[in-house]
Structure formats: C-alpha cells, structure tokens
Amino acid sequence: MMQLFWPKNIEFEVAIEQLSSNKPNQPFDQEVVAFTQALSKRFLRIRELPEVVALGYWLRKANIKEMQTAFEQYTVQKIIRARGTVFHMAPSNVDTIFVYSWMLSLLAGNRNVIRISSKEQNGLNVLLQIIMDELARNEFQKIAKQTIICTYGHEENTTAVLSAACQTRVIWGGDETISTIREIPLAPLANELAFPDRFSLAVLNSDVLTKVDEAQLDSLLEKFYNDVFWFDQMACSSPRLITWCGGNQQAINRFWSAFEQKIQQKQYELMAATQVLKYTTTLMLATESNVENLKNGTYFSRVALSDVPVDVRERHCGGGMFYEYKVDKLEELADVLIDKDQTIAYFGFKREELERLVEAIATRGIDRIVPIGQALDFNGVWDGQSFLTSFTREVIII
C-alpha cells in the first residue's frame, strides 16, 4: 500500500512526473545549504533522541562548509553536474540514515525520491514531521518540488517504476533485501550504491587501560555506551566483538565492572523480548567448541571466543551481547577479519599500529577505523564509497 508523505494531496504518478520536470541544482546550492541549517537547528533541540541530535550536529554550518571546501578543492577546474534523480531505499534498523544520504545527494544537486521503512520507529515520526514542516516553507519551494518521500510494502512494480526513473539508486538493507532489489533493473546509465549487512568491532589495549584514572575511564565508557546502545547494537557500525590486545585481565575486569555501573546510571531499559532473545542466543552459542566462557549479566552478556568463525556474526542478536576475543599483537586481528567487517572502534593505539593492521588485512574487510565514541558518526565516505563523487558526474570539454 503506497503512502505518500511528500508532496501532499497528489497522486504518486503525478508526483513522479512533476519531480522529473524540475531541473537539478548546482552542487552546494544556497537554498540547499540554508535547508540543511534549518533542519540542523530543529534536530539539535530533540534532546530525547540523541541520534537525531547527532544528525543535527553533523548538519551544522561548519561541517557543511568544510564539506563544500573539500569538494571544491577536489573538483577545481572541473565541470561537475548532479546525476539527476536519486532513489534512496532506507533501512528499518536505523531511522536517521536516510537523512544522511538524502542530504549528501541534495548537496550534490540532485532530485530525490526517498522510500522509508514501513516499520514503526521511535524517531521516524519526529524526523518526518520536522522535514515536512521545513519543506512546506516558502523559502524551500525549489527543494520541495525536487523531493518525494513515501513508503510502501514489497511491491516490486513500484520499485521498478522508481528504479527506471532514477539515475542513482541507494539501497540500505540486509543482504537478502539487496539481492532482491538488484534483480529489478536500473536505467542503462544509472549507477548504484548498496550498503548491506555489516559487522563491527572494538579493539582495546588492556595495557594502556591500566594507566587511566577514574575520570578517563568514565569518559571512555560514556563513549562506548553511545556506540553500543543508541540503536540497541543493531547499527552496522556498533561494536559487537570486543578484542582485547595485551593480557591485563585486571584492566578488563575493571572495564566491564565500571560499564555495568554506567548502564545503571543511564537507566537503560531493555525490552523483555530482547532479553529473552539474548539469553537464548548465548545458551545456544555455549554449545559451540570455540566458546570458552559465557557470562550472562542483567544488562549485557559476554561470550569469550577462542576463534571468530565467519558464521558467528550472523548469530549476533544485539541488545548488549558482546563477543570477546584476545590477541597478543594488534596485527593478529587481521587473521579473523572478513569482507563483512566494517568498523573498528579503538582505544589505546597509535596511528602507525593501526596502519600496520590495515596492511595485514588480506580480505575486503574494514572501511573505517575510529576512536571509541565515533563508531556511529556519519561521514561523506561510507563503506569505502564517497557519496559526493557517486552522486555527481563530470562533464569534459576539450
């Protein structure tokens, strides 16, 4: 069942026709930049939804300006045009993600069709209402005419119509979703960005952890908590495997004990269904030969692994479940990394050590290495792809 959020009071077919008749913008059009600022101010006020505040912070003027400067330096003396219409298919597990890819596409100059998930999501209604309020304002009418926001079920014919009408298709979703959508053809000149299921981890140097005082530990745990619990550990970049480098067990015990207190302070509430799923998942994992130890706590569960087999990633259920794995040297981590692995959040390592790890990785795995606390920070490059490059084209004049 098609539901059209924007534009209002119009048939879907008419909306598509009208959208296509509007010329794309130049990259970093003034009205678009003003629109990002209007959204940023509104999002920053939604204190009860930290992921929306983070989105507002990402859209702040200084960040957009920095993006523009870098883009203009990269494209100096080049003729850069928008691709045309970008069709975004948002995921069901992270309700803010479509705004990031939409904003980057908008800044690149494109018209946009956004299909949001039909699942009920906490922050989605708030986001949508703010977006539609801003699109209705007189000063943003150009953007309003270049935007369609809708939701529908799994009707392939609707996806086929939109895929044929776009110059770029962006798919956020599980591997199965992406495989299904890829069977629906694109226009011959269109390109596609796909962001499938990924798995992420954190790596901590236990020897460095022994040297931190209580205030430093509390700051680290605050950041770690945000990385893990903003999306119940279900965001692709949330750490699910914790790798300990160095053998200081005392530091590891201190970390988990203080983390339990941090969760209590936050008054984090886990849904009963998630608790049950986590408990049953850990009990099933306990029968595996590579599981050395299992600790089921009130707020989180720890599953110590002697190895990290490929399939263990598929069995992770989120909600505060941590695989733990130990290495003597950071480079040893490269032996267990696979293509699916996306982000490493780290603590206690120098850049040279991290670079040596990257050099040791033989697979397609790992696109981001960030300090703990920045696992969920969005960047114009995601899964190794630059959005502004993919959302634009270069015209050559000789």
Protein backbone atom coordinates (compact mmCIF):
# COMPACT_ATOMS: atom_id res chain seq x y z
CA MET A 1 0.00 0.00 0.00
CA MET A 2 1.58 3.28 -1.14
CA GLN A 3 1.64 6.14 1.35
CA LEU A 4 2.93 9.46 0.05
CA PHE A 5 4.22 11.74 2.84
CA TRP A 6 5.53 14.39 0.45
CA PRO A 7 4.24 16.04 -1.70
CA LYS A 8 0.81 16.15 -0.08
CA ASN A 9 -2.61 15.67 -1.69
CA ILE A 10 -1.32 14.41 -5.01
CA GLU A 11 -1.24 11.10 -6.87
CA PHE A 12 2.06 9.22 -6.89
CA GLU A 13 2.28 9.10 -10.72
CA VAL A 14 1.72 12.87 -10.92
CA ALA A 15 4.36 13.45 -8.24
CA ILE A 16 6.94 11.45 -10.25
CA GLU A 17 6.09 13.38 -13.41
CA GLN A 18 6.39 16.75 -11.64
CA LEU A 19 9.65 15.77 -9.96
CA SER A 20 11.29 14.84 -13.28
CA SER A 21 10.31 18.18 -14.83
CA ASN A 22 12.36 20.13 -12.25
CA LYS A 23 15.94 20.88 -13.20
CA PRO A 24 18.66 19.63 -10.78
CA ASN A 25 20.72 22.20 -8.85
CA GLN A 26 24.39 23.07 -8.87
CA PRO A 27 26.36 21.35 -6.07
CA PHE A 28 26.08 23.22 -2.74
CA ASP A 29 23.21 25.41 -3.96
CA GLN A 30 22.48 28.25 -1.48
CA GLU A 31 18.88 27.19 -0.88
CA VAL A 32 20.00 23.64 -0.14
CA VAL A 33 22.65 24.84 2.33
CA ALA A 34 20.01 27.03 4.03
CA PHE A 35 17.69 23.99 4.20
CA THR A 36 20.38 21.91 5.92
CA GLN A 37 20.81 24.69 8.50
CA ALA A 38 17.08 24.91 9.18
CA LEU A 39 16.95 21.14 9.77
CA SER A 40 20.11 21.23 11.90
CA LYS A 41 18.61 23.79 14.30
CA ARG A 42 15.41 21.77 14.69
CA PHE A 43 17.16 18.40 15.13
CA LEU A 44 19.53 19.76 17.80
CA ARG A 45 16.51 20.51 20.01
CA ILE A 46 15.27 16.89 20.10
CA ARG A 47 17.26 16.06 23.25
CA GLU A 48 15.32 12.87 23.99
CA LEU A 49 16.61 11.31 20.75
CA PRO A 50 20.44 11.51 20.81
CA GLU A 51 20.73 10.00 17.31
CA VAL A 52 18.65 12.93 15.95
CA VAL A 53 20.83 15.40 17.87
CA ALA A 54 23.90 13.72 16.29
CA LEU A 55 22.32 14.21 12.86
CA GLY A 56 21.68 17.89 13.68
CA TYR A 57 25.29 18.27 14.76
CA TRP A 58 26.52 16.68 11.52
CA LEU A 59 24.38 19.17 9.54
CA ARG A 60 25.74 22.22 11.37
CA LYS A 61 27.10 25.07 9.25
CA ALA A 62 30.80 24.45 9.98
CA ASN A 63 30.60 20.83 8.86
CA ILE A 64 28.70 21.62 5.64
CA LYS A 65 31.20 24.41 4.88
CA GLU A 66 34.12 22.03 5.45
CA MET A 67 32.48 19.52 3.09
CA GLN A 68 31.96 22.21 0.46
CA THR A 69 35.57 23.42 0.68
CA ALA A 70 36.94 19.87 0.31
CA PHE A 71 34.57 19.20 -2.62
CA GLU A 72 35.53 22.42 -4.40
CA GLN A 73 39.25 21.73 -3.93
CA TYR A 74 38.79 18.22 -5.33
CA THR A 75 36.80 19.47 -8.34
CA VAL A 76 38.73 22.67 -9.08
CA GLN A 77 38.69 23.49 -12.83
CA LYS A 78 36.29 20.59 -13.43
CA ILE A 79 32.68 20.84 -14.62
CA ILE A 80 30.61 18.90 -12.11
CA ARG A 81 26.89 18.24 -12.53
CA ALA A 82 24.30 16.41 -10.47
CA ARG A 83 23.37 12.95 -11.74
CA GLY A 84 19.64 13.80 -11.80
CA THR A 85 17.26 11.78 -9.61
CA VAL A 86 18.49 9.65 -6.72
CA PHE A 87 16.24 6.90 -5.32
CA HIS A 88 17.02 6.12 -1.66
CA MET A 89 15.74 2.94 -0.01
CA ALA A 90 16.08 3.40 3.75
CA PRO A 91 16.78 0.57 6.23
CA SER A 92 14.45 -0.48 9.03
CA ASN A 93 17.07 -0.61 11.81
CA VAL A 94 18.44 2.98 11.82
CA ASP A 95 15.76 5.61 11.36
CA THR A 96 18.12 8.57 10.73
CA ILE A 97 20.27 7.03 7.99
CA PHE A 98 18.12 8.08 5.02
CA VAL A 99 18.57 11.74 6.00
CA TYR A 100 22.35 11.46 5.67
CA SER A 101 22.28 10.04 2.15
CA TRP A 102 19.43 12.37 1.15
CA MET A 103 21.32 15.47 2.42
CA LEU A 104 24.51 14.48 0.57
CA SER A 105 22.52 13.85 -2.62
CA LEU A 106 20.77 17.21 -2.17
CA LEU A 107 24.11 18.96 -1.64
CA ALA A 108 25.33 17.28 -4.84
CA GLY A 109 22.40 18.95 -6.63
CA ASN A 110 20.04 16.01 -7.19
CA ARG A 111 16.29 15.50 -7.11
CA ASN A 112 15.40 12.79 -4.59
CA VAL A 113 12.89 10.02 -4.02
CA ILE A 114 13.06 8.51 -0.52
CA ARG A 115 11.33 5.28 0.34
CA ILE A 116 11.30 4.96 4.14
CA SER A 117 10.64 1.77 6.07
CA SER A 118 7.01 0.92 6.84
CA LYS A 119 8.06 -0.37 10.30
CA GLU A 120 7.10 1.77 13.28
CA GLN A 121 10.23 3.52 14.55
CA ASN A 122 10.68 5.72 17.57
CA GLY A 123 12.39 8.70 15.98
CA LEU A 124 10.99 8.43 12.47
CA ASN A 125 7.70 10.24 13.11
CA VAL A 126 9.53 13.13 14.77
CA LEU A 127 12.02 13.35 11.89
CA LEU A 128 9.32 13.20 9.23
CA GLN A 129 7.24 15.90 10.85
CA ILE A 130 10.19 18.30 11.07
CA ILE A 131 11.21 17.57 7.46
CA MET A 132 7.68 18.14 6.14
CA ASP A 133 7.33 21.37 8.16
CA GLU A 134 10.52 22.70 6.56
CA LEU A 135 9.58 21.55 3.03
CA ALA A 136 6.31 23.47 3.38
CA ARG A 137 8.11 26.78 3.98
CA ASN A 138 8.13 29.33 1.12
CA GLU A 139 11.92 29.70 1.07
CA PHE A 140 12.39 25.97 0.34
CA GLN A 141 9.93 25.51 -2.51
CA LYS A 142 12.63 24.56 -5.01
CA ILE A 143 13.70 21.66 -2.77
CA ALA A 144 10.07 20.75 -2.05
CA LYS A 145 9.46 20.29 -5.79
CA GLN A 146 12.57 18.09 -6.08
CA THR A 147 11.57 15.73 -3.26
CA ILE A 148 9.29 12.71 -2.88
CA ILE A 149 9.04 10.87 0.47
CA CYS A 150 6.96 7.70 0.51
CA THR A 151 6.56 4.25 1.99
CA TYR A 152 5.16 1.06 0.51
CA GLY A 153 5.36 -2.68 1.08
CA HIS A 154 7.29 -5.09 -1.08
CA GLU A 155 5.53 -4.18 -4.33
CA GLU A 156 8.20 -4.80 -6.93
CA ASN A 157 6.35 -2.85 -9.61
CA THR A 158 6.66 0.40 -7.59
CA THR A 159 10.37 -0.22 -7.05
CA ALA A 160 10.69 -0.97 -10.78
CA VAL A 161 9.00 2.33 -11.73
CA LEU A 162 11.27 4.32 -9.39
CA SER A 163 14.38 2.39 -10.46
CA ALA A 164 13.66 3.13 -14.12
CA ALA A 165 13.13 6.83 -13.33
CA CYS A 166 16.36 7.38 -11.34
CA GLN A 167 19.99 7.98 -12.30
CA THR A 168 21.33 6.61 -8.99
CA ARG A 169 19.83 4.00 -6.64
CA VAL A 170 20.91 3.80 -2.99
CA ILE A 171 19.98 0.64 -1.09
CA TRP A 172 20.38 0.35 2.68
CA GLY A 173 19.40 -3.10 3.90
CA GLY A 174 20.16 -6.72 4.59
CA ASP A 175 21.97 -8.92 2.10
CA GLU A 176 18.70 -10.58 1.09
CA THR A 177 16.97 -7.21 0.51
CA ILE A 178 19.84 -6.02 -1.66
CA SER A 179 19.87 -9.25 -3.72
CA THR A 180 16.11 -8.96 -4.30
CA ILE A 181 16.26 -5.30 -5.34
CA ARG A 182 19.25 -5.92 -7.62
CA GLU A 183 17.03 -8.18 -9.72
CA ILE A 184 14.97 -5.07 -10.56
CA PRO A 185 16.71 -3.33 -13.47
CA LEU A 186 18.02 0.22 -13.45
CA ALA A 187 18.11 2.59 -16.41
CA PRO A 188 21.23 1.74 -18.50
CA LEU A 189 23.12 4.90 -17.46
CA ALA A 190 22.21 4.67 -13.76
CA ASN A 191 24.68 3.74 -11.02
CA GLU A 192 24.01 2.08 -7.66
CA LEU A 193 25.32 2.32 -4.10
CA ALA A 194 24.49 -0.66 -1.90
CA PHE A 195 25.05 -0.75 1.85
CA PRO A 196 24.43 -4.32 3.02
CA ASP A 197 24.65 -6.02 6.43
CA ARG A 198 28.00 -5.29 8.04
CA PHE A 199 29.60 -6.31 11.32
CA SER A 200 31.77 -4.12 13.54
CA LEU A 201 34.11 -4.44 16.47
CA ALA A 202 36.09 -2.57 19.09
CA VAL A 203 39.70 -3.18 19.99
CA LEU A 204 41.17 -2.03 23.31
CA ASN A 205 44.74 -2.09 24.58
CA SER A 206 44.43 -3.52 28.10
CA ASP A 207 47.99 -2.40 29.00
CA VAL A 208 47.08 1.24 28.23
CA LEU A 209 43.75 0.80 30.04
CA THR A 210 45.58 0.04 33.33
CA LYS A 211 47.03 3.56 33.30
CA VAL A 212 43.75 5.52 33.02
CA ASP A 213 42.27 7.23 36.07
CA GLU A 214 38.58 7.07 37.09
CA ALA A 215 37.60 10.21 35.13
CA GLN A 216 39.30 8.95 31.95
CA LEU A 217 37.66 5.54 32.33
CA ASP A 218 34.25 7.15 32.84
CA SER A 219 34.73 9.23 29.66
CA LEU A 220 35.72 6.12 27.69
CA LEU A 221 32.69 4.19 28.99
CA GLU A 222 30.33 7.06 28.14
CA LYS A 223 31.58 6.93 24.55
CA PHE A 224 31.46 3.14 24.43
CA TYR A 225 27.88 3.19 25.77
CA ASN A 226 26.78 5.54 22.95
CA ASP A 227 28.45 3.38 20.30
CA VAL A 228 26.67 0.29 21.59
CA PHE A 229 23.24 1.32 22.83
CA TRP A 230 21.99 4.18 20.63
CA PHE A 231 20.48 1.63 18.24
CA ASP A 232 20.45 -1.37 20.60
CA GLN A 233 23.71 -2.51 18.98
CA MET A 234 21.85 -3.09 15.68
CA ALA A 235 23.55 -0.34 13.64
CA CYS A 236 26.10 -1.88 11.25
CA SER A 237 28.90 0.18 12.85
CA SER A 238 28.04 -0.66 16.50
CA PRO A 239 30.75 -2.84 18.09
CA ARG A 240 29.63 -6.43 18.70
CA LEU A 241 33.03 -8.10 19.01
CA ILE A 242 35.39 -6.71 21.67
CA THR A 243 39.01 -7.58 21.02
CA TRP A 244 41.47 -7.24 23.88
CA CYS A 245 45.10 -6.66 22.97
CA GLY A 246 47.61 -7.32 25.76
CA GLY A 247 47.00 -9.69 28.64
CA ASN A 248 45.99 -7.44 31.54
CA GLN A 249 42.94 -9.27 32.93
CA GLN A 250 42.62 -6.86 35.86
CA ALA A 251 42.07 -3.93 33.46
CA ILE A 252 39.48 -5.97 31.53
CA ASN A 253 37.56 -6.80 34.72
CA ARG A 254 37.65 -3.16 35.78
CA PHE A 255 36.29 -2.08 32.40
CA TRP A 256 33.27 -4.42 32.48
CA SER A 257 32.51 -3.72 36.13
CA ALA A 258 32.51 0.05 35.53
CA PHE A 259 30.49 -0.42 32.33
CA GLU A 260 27.75 -2.18 34.30
CA GLN A 261 27.58 0.82 36.65
CA LYS A 262 27.46 3.18 33.65
CA ILE A 263 24.41 1.35 32.23
CA GLN A 264 22.69 1.52 35.63
CA GLN A 265 23.33 5.28 35.79
CA LYS A 266 21.81 5.67 32.34
CA GLN A 267 18.71 3.74 33.46
CA TYR A 268 18.83 1.86 30.20
CA GLU A 269 15.71 -0.21 29.64
CA LEU A 270 15.95 -3.35 27.58
CA MET A 271 12.74 -4.78 26.17
CA ALA A 272 11.77 -8.16 27.66
CA ALA A 273 11.75 -9.77 24.19
CA THR A 274 15.34 -8.60 23.60
CA GLN A 275 16.41 -10.00 26.99
CA VAL A 276 14.91 -13.39 26.20
CA LEU A 277 16.44 -13.45 22.70
CA LYS A 278 19.86 -12.56 24.11
CA TYR A 279 19.64 -15.22 26.79
CA THR A 280 18.59 -17.98 24.37
CA THR A 281 21.23 -16.90 21.81
CA THR A 282 24.03 -17.13 24.37
CA LEU A 283 22.82 -20.55 25.59
CA MET A 284 22.83 -21.85 22.00
CA LEU A 285 26.32 -20.42 21.46
CA ALA A 286 27.54 -22.11 24.67
CA THR A 287 27.43 -25.47 22.89
CA GLU A 288 29.97 -24.34 20.26
CA SER A 289 33.55 -25.57 20.56
CA ASN A 290 35.02 -22.08 20.02
CA VAL A 291 33.10 -20.59 23.00
CA GLU A 292 35.44 -20.63 26.02
CA ASN A 293 33.29 -18.83 28.57
CA LEU A 294 29.85 -17.29 28.96
CA LYS A 295 28.66 -14.57 31.34
CA ASN A 296 25.01 -13.53 31.29
CA GLY A 297 24.52 -10.31 33.28
CA THR A 298 21.47 -8.14 33.87
CA TYR A 299 22.45 -5.56 31.24
CA PHE A 300 24.81 -7.36 28.91
CA SER A 301 26.21 -10.78 28.05
CA ARG A 302 29.81 -11.70 27.33
CA VAL A 303 30.76 -14.62 25.11
CA ALA A 304 34.50 -15.39 25.15
CA LEU A 305 35.72 -16.86 21.85
CA SER A 306 38.90 -18.83 21.11
CA ASP A 307 38.36 -18.07 17.40
CA VAL A 308 35.99 -15.87 15.35
CA PRO A 309 34.33 -18.12 12.75
CA VAL A 310 32.50 -16.46 9.87
CA ASP A 311 29.03 -17.65 10.91
CA VAL A 312 29.23 -16.28 14.45
CA ARG A 313 28.46 -12.82 13.01
CA GLU A 314 25.07 -13.98 11.71
CA ARG A 315 24.11 -15.26 15.13
CA HIS A 316 24.55 -11.95 16.94
CA CYS A 317 21.23 -10.61 18.25
CA GLY A 318 22.19 -7.11 19.52
CA GLY A 319 20.81 -5.60 22.73
CA GLY A 320 24.08 -5.75 24.68
CA MET A 321 25.70 -9.02 23.63
CA PHE A 322 29.48 -8.95 23.31
CA TYR A 323 31.77 -11.48 21.76
CA GLU A 324 35.25 -11.24 23.31
CA TYR A 325 38.49 -12.27 21.68
CA LYS A 326 42.11 -11.84 22.76
CA VAL A 327 45.22 -11.15 20.69
CA ASP A 328 48.83 -10.56 21.77
CA LYS A 329 49.53 -8.11 18.95
CA LEU A 330 47.11 -5.89 17.05
CA GLU A 331 48.12 -7.28 13.62
CA GLU A 332 46.88 -10.74 14.72
CA LEU A 333 43.36 -9.36 14.47
CA ALA A 334 43.76 -9.36 10.67
CA ASP A 335 43.59 -13.19 10.70
CA VAL A 336 39.91 -13.23 11.73
CA LEU A 337 38.60 -10.28 9.67
CA ILE A 338 36.30 -11.00 6.72
CA ASP A 339 34.70 -8.92 3.94
CA LYS A 340 31.60 -8.26 6.06
CA ASP A 341 33.57 -6.45 8.81
CA GLN A 342 33.14 -2.69 8.56
CA THR A 343 34.23 -0.51 11.52
CA ILE A 344 36.91 -0.87 14.17
CA ALA A 345 36.45 1.44 17.18
CA TYR A 346 39.75 1.60 19.05
CA PHE A 347 41.32 2.68 22.32
CA GLY A 348 45.00 2.81 23.27
CA PHE A 349 46.72 2.53 19.88
CA LYS A 350 48.89 4.85 17.81
CA ARG A 351 48.19 5.58 14.15
CA GLU A 352 51.25 3.58 12.99
CA GLU A 353 49.92 0.48 14.77
CA LEU A 354 46.52 0.91 13.10
CA GLU A 355 48.17 1.37 9.70
CA ARG A 356 50.13 -1.86 10.19
CA LEU A 357 46.84 -3.64 10.96
CA VAL A 358 45.30 -2.32 7.72
CA GLU A 359 48.33 -3.55 5.76
CA ALA A 360 47.96 -7.01 7.34
CA ILE A 361 44.29 -7.41 6.29
CA ALA A 362 44.04 -9.76 3.30
CA THR A 363 40.25 -9.54 2.80
CA ARG A 364 37.87 -6.75 1.65
CA GLY A 365 37.09 -6.16 5.36
CA ILE A 366 37.30 -2.86 7.30
CA ASP A 367 36.43 0.51 5.81
CA ARG A 368 36.58 2.63 8.96
CA ILE A 369 38.90 2.81 11.98
CA VAL A 370 37.72 5.40 14.52
CA PRO A 371 38.25 6.18 18.21
CA ILE A 372 35.68 4.62 20.56
CA GLY A 373 32.78 7.08 20.70
CA GLN A 374 32.79 7.76 16.95
CA ALA A 375 31.55 4.39 15.66
CA LEU A 376 28.16 5.86 14.73
CA ASP A 377 29.46 9.18 13.37
CA PHE A 378 28.46 9.50 9.75
CA ASN A 379 30.95 10.62 7.16
CA GLY A 380 30.71 11.53 3.47
CA VAL A 381 32.67 8.35 2.78
CA TRP A 382 30.86 5.19 3.92
CA ASP A 383 31.80 1.55 3.25
CA GLY A 384 34.69 2.90 1.22
CA GLN A 385 32.47 4.93 -1.14
CA SER A 386 32.39 8.72 -1.48
CA PHE A 387 28.79 9.89 -1.71
CA LEU A 388 29.50 13.26 -3.33
CA THR A 389 31.56 11.52 -6.04
CA SER A 390 28.90 8.87 -6.67
CA PHE A 391 26.10 11.47 -6.63
CA THR A 392 27.71 13.68 -9.29
CA ARG A 393 29.20 13.34 -12.77
CA GLU A 394 31.98 15.19 -14.56
CA VAL A 395 31.44 16.86 -17.94
CA ILE A 396 34.56 17.03 -20.11
CA ILE A 397 35.13 19.94 -22.53
CA ILE A 398 38.26 19.67 -24.68
